[in-house]
Amino acid sequence: MIYGKIWTVVKPSVGLPIILAAVAIGSFSVHLALTLNTTWVKKFLNGSAASAAVVQTVKTPTA
């Protein structure tokens, strides 16, 4: 472990909950920002799927 000596300064019983809480808060804030700032996430979470785009191709005759 690269930062193994950190546990000589901070007890694991204090440091691990802080690290886990920081990861949980960061993840929650990213998901909240996606939900609040985009329109497609709200539609996706409510179950309305986007319609697929139809693309027509034209075949050109080959010589």
PDB file of N, CA and C in Angstrom:
ATOM      1  N   MET A   1       0.846  -1.181   0.000  1.00  0.00           N
ATOM      2  CA  MET A   1       0.000   0.000   0.000  1.00  0.00           C
ATOM      3  C   MET A   1       0.886   1.238   0.000  1.00  0.00           C
ATOM      4  N   ILE A   2       0.597   2.167  -0.866  1.00  0.00           N
ATOM      5  CA  ILE A   2       1.447   3.336  -1.022  1.00  0.00           C
ATOM      6  C   ILE A   2       1.398   4.217   0.228  1.00  0.00           C
ATOM      7  N   TYR A   3       0.198   4.445   0.741  1.00  0.00           N
ATOM      8  CA  TYR A   3       0.039   5.343   1.876  1.00  0.00           C
ATOM      9  C   TYR A   3      -0.214   4.564   3.159  1.00  0.00           C
ATOM     10  N   GLY A   4       0.490   3.488   3.360  1.00  0.00           N
ATOM     11  CA  GLY A   4       0.298   2.651   4.539  1.00  0.00           C
ATOM     12  C   GLY A   4       0.681   3.343   5.837  1.00  0.00           C
ATOM     13  N   LYS A   5       1.601   4.297   5.779  1.00  0.00           N
ATOM     14  CA  LYS A   5       2.048   4.975   6.998  1.00  0.00           C
ATOM     15  C   LYS A   5       1.023   5.966   7.533  1.00  0.00           C
ATOM     16  N   ILE A   6      -0.036   6.261   6.756  1.00  0.00           N
ATOM     17  CA  ILE A   6      -1.061   7.188   7.239  1.00  0.00           C
ATOM     18  C   ILE A   6      -1.731   6.643   8.492  1.00  0.00           C
ATOM     19  N   TRP A   7      -1.788   5.292   8.600  1.00  0.00           N
ATOM     20  CA  TRP A   7      -2.475   4.692   9.743  1.00  0.00           C
ATOM     21  C   TRP A   7      -1.640   4.770  11.017  1.00  0.00           C
ATOM     22  N   THR A   8      -0.380   5.249  10.936  1.00  0.00           N
ATOM     23  CA  THR A   8       0.381   5.528  12.155  1.00  0.00           C
ATOM     24  C   THR A   8      -0.002   6.892  12.718  1.00  0.00           C
ATOM     25  N   VAL A   9      -0.633   7.718  11.895  1.00  0.00           N
ATOM     26  CA  VAL A   9      -1.053   9.048  12.331  1.00  0.00           C
ATOM     27  C   VAL A   9      -2.545   9.074  12.655  1.00  0.00           C
ATOM     28  N   VAL A  10      -3.336   8.420  11.802  1.00  0.00           N
ATOM     29  CA  VAL A  10      -4.790   8.405  11.954  1.00  0.00           C
ATOM     30  C   VAL A  10      -5.221   6.978  12.246  1.00  0.00           C
ATOM     31  N   LYS A  11      -6.046   6.800  13.268  1.00  0.00           N
ATOM     32  CA  LYS A  11      -6.550   5.468  13.592  1.00  0.00           C
ATOM     33  C   LYS A  11      -7.468   4.988  12.467  1.00  0.00           C
ATOM     34  N   PRO A  12      -7.393   3.714  12.092  1.00  0.00           N
ATOM     35  CA  PRO A  12      -8.306   3.197  11.073  1.00  0.00           C
ATOM     36  C   PRO A  12      -9.778   3.297  11.480  1.00  0.00           C
ATOM     37  N   SER A  13     -10.050   3.255  12.770  1.00  0.00           N
ATOM     38  CA  SER A  13     -11.445   3.368  13.211  1.00  0.00           C
ATOM     39  C   SER A  13     -11.990   4.778  13.003  1.00  0.00           C
ATOM     40  N   VAL A  14     -11.109   5.739  12.782  1.00  0.00           N
ATOM     41  CA  VAL A  14     -11.534   7.114  12.486  1.00  0.00           C
ATOM     42  C   VAL A  14     -11.395   7.399  10.983  1.00  0.00           C
ATOM     43  N   GLY A  15     -10.307   6.959  10.398  1.00  0.00           N
ATOM     44  CA  GLY A  15     -10.013   7.284   9.012  1.00  0.00           C
ATOM     45  C   GLY A  15     -10.904   6.586   7.997  1.00  0.00           C
ATOM     46  N   LEU A  16     -11.188   5.306   8.212  1.00  0.00           N
ATOM     47  CA  LEU A  16     -12.014   4.576   7.251  1.00  0.00           C
ATOM     48  C   LEU A  16     -13.436   5.114   7.143  1.00  0.00           C
ATOM     49  N   PRO A  17     -14.121   5.411   8.254  1.00  0.00           N
ATOM     50  CA  PRO A  17     -15.444   6.020   8.097  1.00  0.00           C
ATOM     51  C   PRO A  17     -15.416   7.376   7.393  1.00  0.00           C
ATOM     52  N   ILE A  18     -14.361   8.133   7.616  1.00  0.00           N
ATOM     53  CA  ILE A  18     -14.246   9.427   6.936  1.00  0.00           C
ATOM     54  C   ILE A  18     -14.061   9.232   5.441  1.00  0.00           C
ATOM     55  N   ILE A  19     -13.224   8.278   5.057  1.00  0.00           N
ATOM     56  CA  ILE A  19     -13.002   8.001   3.630  1.00  0.00           C
ATOM     57  C   ILE A  19     -14.287   7.493   2.986  1.00  0.00           C
ATOM     58  N   LEU A  20     -14.965   6.560   3.639  1.00  0.00           N
ATOM     59  CA  LEU A  20     -16.207   6.018   3.084  1.00  0.00           C
ATOM     60  C   LEU A  20     -17.296   7.082   2.992  1.00  0.00           C
ATOM     61  N   ALA A  21     -17.365   7.956   3.983  1.00  0.00           N
ATOM     62  CA  ALA A  21     -18.352   9.038   3.941  1.00  0.00           C
ATOM     63  C   ALA A  21     -18.037  10.010   2.805  1.00  0.00           C
ATOM     64  N   ALA A  22     -16.772  10.300   2.596  1.00  0.00           N
ATOM     65  CA  ALA A  22     -16.385  11.211   1.515  1.00  0.00           C
ATOM     66  C   ALA A  22     -16.737  10.621   0.151  1.00  0.00           C
ATOM     67  N   VAL A  23     -16.516   9.329  -0.024  1.00  0.00           N
ATOM     68  CA  VAL A  23     -16.865   8.675  -1.293  1.00  0.00           C
ATOM     69  C   VAL A  23     -18.378   8.689  -1.486  1.00  0.00           C
ATOM     70  N   ALA A  24     -19.135   8.400  -0.427  1.00  0.00           N
ATOM     71  CA  ALA A  24     -20.597   8.381  -0.529  1.00  0.00           C
ATOM     72  C   ALA A  24     -21.146   9.769  -0.841  1.00  0.00           C
ATOM     73  N   ILE A  25     -20.633  10.792  -0.191  1.00  0.00           N
ATOM     74  CA  ILE A  25     -21.095  12.158  -0.434  1.00  0.00           C
ATOM     75  C   ILE A  25     -20.733  12.609  -1.846  1.00  0.00           C
ATOM     76  N   GLY A  26     -19.527  12.267  -2.297  1.00  0.00           N
ATOM     77  CA  GLY A  26     -19.126  12.620  -3.655  1.00  0.00           C
ATOM     78  C   GLY A  26     -19.996  11.940  -4.698  1.00  0.00           C
ATOM     79  N   SER A  27     -20.267  10.673  -4.506  1.00  0.00           N
ATOM     80  CA  SER A  27     -21.113   9.939  -5.445  1.00  0.00           C
ATOM     81  C   SER A  27     -22.530  10.497  -5.459  1.00  0.00           C
ATOM     82  N   PHE A  28     -23.072  10.776  -4.303  1.00  0.00           N
ATOM     83  CA  PHE A  28     -24.419  11.340  -4.224  1.00  0.00           C
ATOM     84  C   PHE A  28     -24.490  12.696  -4.908  1.00  0.00           C
ATOM     85  N   SER A  29     -23.473  13.525  -4.706  1.00  0.00           N
ATOM     86  CA  SER A  29     -23.510  14.862  -5.302  1.00  0.00           C
ATOM     87  C   SER A  29     -23.389  14.799  -6.824  1.00  0.00           C
ATOM     88  N   VAL A  30     -22.611  13.858  -7.347  1.00  0.00           N
ATOM     89  CA  VAL A  30     -22.503  13.714  -8.807  1.00  0.00           C
ATOM     90  C   VAL A  30     -23.832  13.250  -9.378  1.00  0.00           C
ATOM     91  N   HIS A  31     -24.467  12.270  -8.751  1.00  0.00           N
ATOM     92  CA  HIS A  31     -25.749  11.782  -9.244  1.00  0.00           C
ATOM     93  C   HIS A  31     -26.847  12.843  -9.118  1.00  0.00           C
ATOM     94  N   LEU A  32     -26.817  13.610  -8.066  1.00  0.00           N
ATOM     95  CA  LEU A  32     -27.787  14.684  -7.908  1.00  0.00           C
ATOM     96  C   LEU A  32     -27.589  15.757  -8.980  1.00  0.00           C
ATOM     97  N   ALA A  33     -26.345  16.094  -9.266  1.00  0.00           N
ATOM     98  CA  ALA A  33     -26.068  17.087 -10.296  1.00  0.00           C
ATOM     99  C   ALA A  33     -26.532  16.597 -11.667  1.00  0.00           C
ATOM    100  N   LEU A  34     -26.327  15.311 -11.966  1.00  0.00           N
ATOM    101  CA  LEU A  34     -26.811  14.766 -13.234  1.00  0.00           C
ATOM    102  C   LEU A  34     -28.325  14.825 -13.322  1.00  0.00           C
ATOM    103  N   THR A  35     -28.984  14.495 -12.238  1.00  0.00           N
ATOM    104  CA  THR A  35     -30.443  14.492 -12.241  1.00  0.00           C
ATOM    105  C   THR A  35     -31.014  15.899 -12.380  1.00  0.00           C
ATOM    106  N   LEU A  36     -30.411  16.858 -11.734  1.00  0.00           N
ATOM    107  CA  LEU A  36     -30.946  18.218 -11.748  1.00  0.00           C
ATOM    108  C   LEU A  36     -30.593  18.997 -13.008  1.00  0.00           C
ATOM    109  N   ASN A  37     -29.483  18.672 -13.661  1.00  0.00           N
ATOM    110  CA  ASN A  37     -29.004  19.501 -14.759  1.00  0.00           C
ATOM    111  C   ASN A  37     -29.185  18.896 -16.142  1.00  0.00           C
ATOM    112  N   THR A  38     -29.783  17.735 -16.238  1.00  0.00           N
ATOM    113  CA  THR A  38     -30.034  17.146 -17.548  1.00  0.00           C
ATOM    114  C   THR A  38     -31.507  16.802 -17.675  1.00  0.00           C
ATOM    115  N   THR A  39     -31.972  16.738 -18.915  1.00  0.00           N
ATOM    116  CA  THR A  39     -33.373  16.386 -19.127  1.00  0.00           C
ATOM    117  C   THR A  39     -33.538  14.905 -19.407  1.00  0.00           C
ATOM    118  N   TRP A  40     -32.543  14.263 -20.026  1.00  0.00           N
ATOM    119  CA  TRP A  40     -32.696  12.866 -20.412  1.00  0.00           C
ATOM    120  C   TRP A  40     -32.637  11.921 -19.227  1.00  0.00           C
ATOM    121  N   VAL A  41     -31.928  12.286 -18.145  1.00  0.00           N
ATOM    122  CA  VAL A  41     -31.846  11.396 -16.982  1.00  0.00           C
ATOM    123  C   VAL A  41     -33.213  11.288 -16.310  1.00  0.00           C
ATOM    124  N   LYS A  42     -33.905  12.396 -16.192  1.00  0.00           N
ATOM    125  CA  LYS A  42     -35.239  12.371 -15.585  1.00  0.00           C
ATOM    126  C   LYS A  42     -36.188  11.500 -16.404  1.00  0.00           C
ATOM    127  N   LYS A  43     -36.127  11.643 -17.726  1.00  0.00           N
ATOM    128  CA  LYS A  43     -36.977  10.826 -18.589  1.00  0.00           C
ATOM    129  C   LYS A  43     -36.605   9.353 -18.483  1.00  0.00           C
ATOM    130  N   PHE A  44     -35.321   9.063 -18.426  1.00  0.00           N
ATOM    131  CA  PHE A  44     -34.863   7.674 -18.320  1.00  0.00           C
ATOM    132  C   PHE A  44     -35.314   7.054 -16.995  1.00  0.00           C
ATOM    133  N   LEU A  45     -35.173   7.793 -15.918  1.00  0.00           N
ATOM    134  CA  LEU A  45     -35.554   7.257 -14.619  1.00  0.00           C
ATOM    135  C   LEU A  45     -37.070   7.091 -14.482  1.00  0.00           C
ATOM    136  N   ASN A  46     -37.831   7.872 -15.228  1.00  0.00           N
ATOM    137  CA  ASN A  46     -39.283   7.739 -15.205  1.00  0.00           C
ATOM    138  C   ASN A  46     -39.785   6.668 -16.165  1.00  0.00           C
ATOM    139  N   GLY A  47     -38.905   6.085 -16.961  1.00  0.00           N
ATOM    140  CA  GLY A  47     -39.276   4.972 -17.814  1.00  0.00           C
ATOM    141  C   GLY A  47     -39.634   5.314 -19.235  1.00  0.00           C
ATOM    142  N   SER A  48     -39.524   6.551 -19.639  1.00  0.00           N
ATOM    143  CA  SER A  48     -39.835   6.886 -21.026  1.00  0.00           C
ATOM    144  C   SER A  48     -38.546   6.802 -21.841  1.00  0.00           C
ATOM    145  N   ALA A  49     -38.520   5.853 -22.737  1.00  0.00           N
ATOM    146  CA  ALA A  49     -37.330   5.638 -23.557  1.00  0.00           C
ATOM    147  C   ALA A  49     -37.314   6.617 -24.729  1.00  0.00           C
ATOM    148  N   ALA A  50     -36.142   6.968 -25.132  1.00  0.00           N
ATOM    149  CA  ALA A  50     -36.000   7.852 -26.287  1.00  0.00           C
ATOM    150  C   ALA A  50     -36.275   7.054 -27.551  1.00  0.00           C
ATOM    151  N   SER A  51     -36.842   7.716 -28.529  1.00  0.00           N
ATOM    152  CA  SER A  51     -37.111   7.030 -29.789  1.00  0.00           C
ATOM    153  C   SER A  51     -35.819   6.937 -30.596  1.00  0.00           C
ATOM    154  N   ALA A  52     -35.667   5.837 -31.274  1.00  0.00           N
ATOM    155  CA  ALA A  52     -34.464   5.631 -32.071  1.00  0.00           C
ATOM    156  C   ALA A  52     -34.532   6.463 -33.343  1.00  0.00           C
ATOM    157  N   ALA A  53     -33.418   6.998 -33.723  1.00  0.00           N
ATOM    158  CA  ALA A  53     -33.343   7.799 -34.944  1.00  0.00           C
ATOM    159  C   ALA A  53     -33.312   6.873 -36.154  1.00  0.00           C
ATOM    160  N   VAL A  54     -34.059   7.224 -37.170  1.00  0.00           N
ATOM    161  CA  VAL A  54     -34.106   6.439 -38.399  1.00  0.00           C
ATOM    162  C   VAL A  54     -33.259   7.141 -39.444  1.00  0.00           C
ATOM    163  N   VAL A  55     -32.297   6.407 -39.993  1.00  0.00           N
ATOM    164  CA  VAL A  55     -31.416   6.982 -40.993  1.00  0.00           C
ATOM    165  C   VAL A  55     -31.606   6.212 -42.287  1.00  0.00           C
ATOM    166  N   GLN A  56     -31.897   6.949 -43.347  1.00  0.00           N
ATOM    167  CA  GLN A  56     -32.047   6.315 -44.644  1.00  0.00           C
ATOM    168  C   GLN A  56     -30.758   6.447 -45.420  1.00  0.00           C
ATOM    169  N   THR A  57     -30.376   5.359 -46.037  1.00  0.00           N
ATOM    170  CA  THR A  57     -29.187   5.405 -46.883  1.00  0.00           C
ATOM    171  C   THR A  57     -29.592   5.196 -48.320  1.00  0.00           C
ATOM    172  N   VAL A  58     -28.883   5.824 -49.201  1.00  0.00           N
ATOM    173  CA  VAL A  58     -29.161   5.716 -50.637  1.00  0.00           C
ATOM    174  C   VAL A  58     -28.025   4.937 -51.263  1.00  0.00           C
ATOM    175  N   LYS A  59     -28.381   3.862 -51.957  1.00  0.00           N
ATOM    176  CA  LYS A  59     -27.374   3.074 -52.656  1.00  0.00           C
ATOM    177  C   LYS A  59     -27.063   3.739 -53.981  1.00  0.00           C
ATOM    178  N   THR A  60     -25.806   3.884 -54.252  1.00  0.00           N
ATOM    179  CA  THR A  60     -25.388   4.420 -55.546  1.00  0.00           C
ATOM    180  C   THR A  60     -24.965   3.259 -56.425  1.00  0.00           C
ATOM    181  N   PRO A  61     -25.360   3.293 -57.667  1.00  0.00           N
ATOM    182  CA  PRO A  61     -24.964   2.190 -58.551  1.00  0.00           C
ATOM    183  C   PRO A  61     -23.469   2.216 -58.797  1.00  0.00           C
ATOM    184  N   THR A  62     -22.895   1.028 -58.772  1.00  0.00           N
ATOM    185  CA  THR A  62     -21.454   0.937 -59.024  1.00  0.00           C
ATOM    186  C   THR A  62     -21.226   0.555 -60.479  1.00  0.00           C
ATOM    187  N   ALA A  63     -20.140   1.023 -61.016  1.00  0.00           N
ATOM    188  CA  ALA A  63     -19.856   0.789 -62.426  1.00  0.00           C
ATOM    189  C   ALA A  63     -19.183  -0.517 -62.677  1.00  0.00           C
TER     190      ALA A  63
END
